[in-house]
Amino acid sequence: MTKDLIIACPTCKKSQRWKDCSDYRPFCSKRCQLIDLGEWANENHAIAGEPVMQFPDEDK
């Protein structure tokens, strides 16, 4: 018998069971998934590190 893994949604922090059949994991819903996508699109989230390439207009 395996125990269910309980995780917190990264967006709203609501507790939920981790299931392979969940379409939105690690999020609890489509809404939370889209909120997170919007944060990435607005560049509110970023992966730390050096930029891979510089664009010519960024030299100024």
Protein backbone atom coordinates (compact mmCIF):
# COMPACT_ATOMS: atom_id res chain seq x y z
CA MET A 1 0.00 0.00 0.00
CA THR A 2 1.45 3.39 -0.99
CA LYS A 3 0.72 6.61 0.81
CA ASP A 4 -0.69 9.50 -1.15
CA LEU A 5 1.69 12.40 -1.61
CA ILE A 6 0.14 15.68 -0.48
CA ILE A 7 1.61 18.81 -2.06
CA ALA A 8 0.77 22.51 -1.99
CA CYS A 9 -0.24 24.21 -5.23
CA PRO A 10 2.64 26.55 -6.18
CA THR A 11 0.19 29.37 -6.91
CA CYS A 12 -2.53 29.30 -4.25
CA LYS A 13 -0.83 26.96 -1.72
CA LYS A 14 -3.98 24.79 -1.46
CA SER A 15 -3.17 21.22 -0.36
CA GLN A 16 -3.87 18.51 -2.90
CA ARG A 17 -3.07 14.88 -3.65
CA TRP A 18 -0.37 14.25 -6.26
CA LYS A 19 -1.96 12.00 -8.90
CA ASP A 20 -0.63 10.82 -12.24
CA CYS A 21 -4.03 11.49 -13.79
CA SER A 22 -4.12 15.16 -12.76
CA ASP A 23 -4.03 17.34 -15.87
CA TYR A 24 -2.76 20.42 -14.03
CA ARG A 25 -0.12 19.04 -11.66
CA PRO A 26 1.66 20.49 -9.80
CA PHE A 27 -1.16 23.07 -9.85
CA CYS A 28 -4.61 22.44 -8.38
CA SER A 29 -6.52 23.89 -11.33
CA LYS A 30 -6.30 25.38 -14.81
CA ARG A 31 -6.71 28.83 -13.22
CA CYS A 32 -3.60 28.43 -11.06
CA GLN A 33 -1.69 27.01 -14.03
CA LEU A 34 -2.58 30.07 -16.15
CA ILE A 35 -1.71 32.50 -13.35
CA ASP A 36 1.76 30.95 -13.18
CA LEU A 37 2.14 31.09 -16.97
CA GLY A 38 1.23 34.79 -16.86
CA GLU A 39 3.89 35.41 -14.22
CA TRP A 40 6.53 33.85 -16.51
CA ALA A 41 5.24 35.80 -19.53
CA ASN A 42 5.44 39.08 -17.59
CA GLU A 43 8.99 38.13 -16.56
CA ASN A 44 8.06 38.14 -12.87
CA HIS A 45 9.67 34.68 -12.65
CA ALA A 46 13.11 33.89 -14.01
CA ILE A 47 15.74 31.19 -13.79
CA ALA A 48 18.93 32.51 -12.23
CA GLY A 49 22.02 32.61 -14.38
CA GLU A 50 23.89 34.55 -17.00
CA PRO A 51 22.02 35.52 -20.18
CA VAL A 52 22.69 33.07 -22.99
CA MET A 53 22.84 35.74 -25.69
CA GLN A 54 22.91 39.50 -25.84
CA PHE A 55 20.80 41.44 -28.32
CA PRO A 56 22.53 44.31 -30.16
CA ASP A 57 20.30 47.03 -28.66
CA GLU A 58 21.16 45.91 -25.09
CA ASP A 59 24.79 47.12 -25.42
CA LYS A 60 23.80 50.76 -24.84
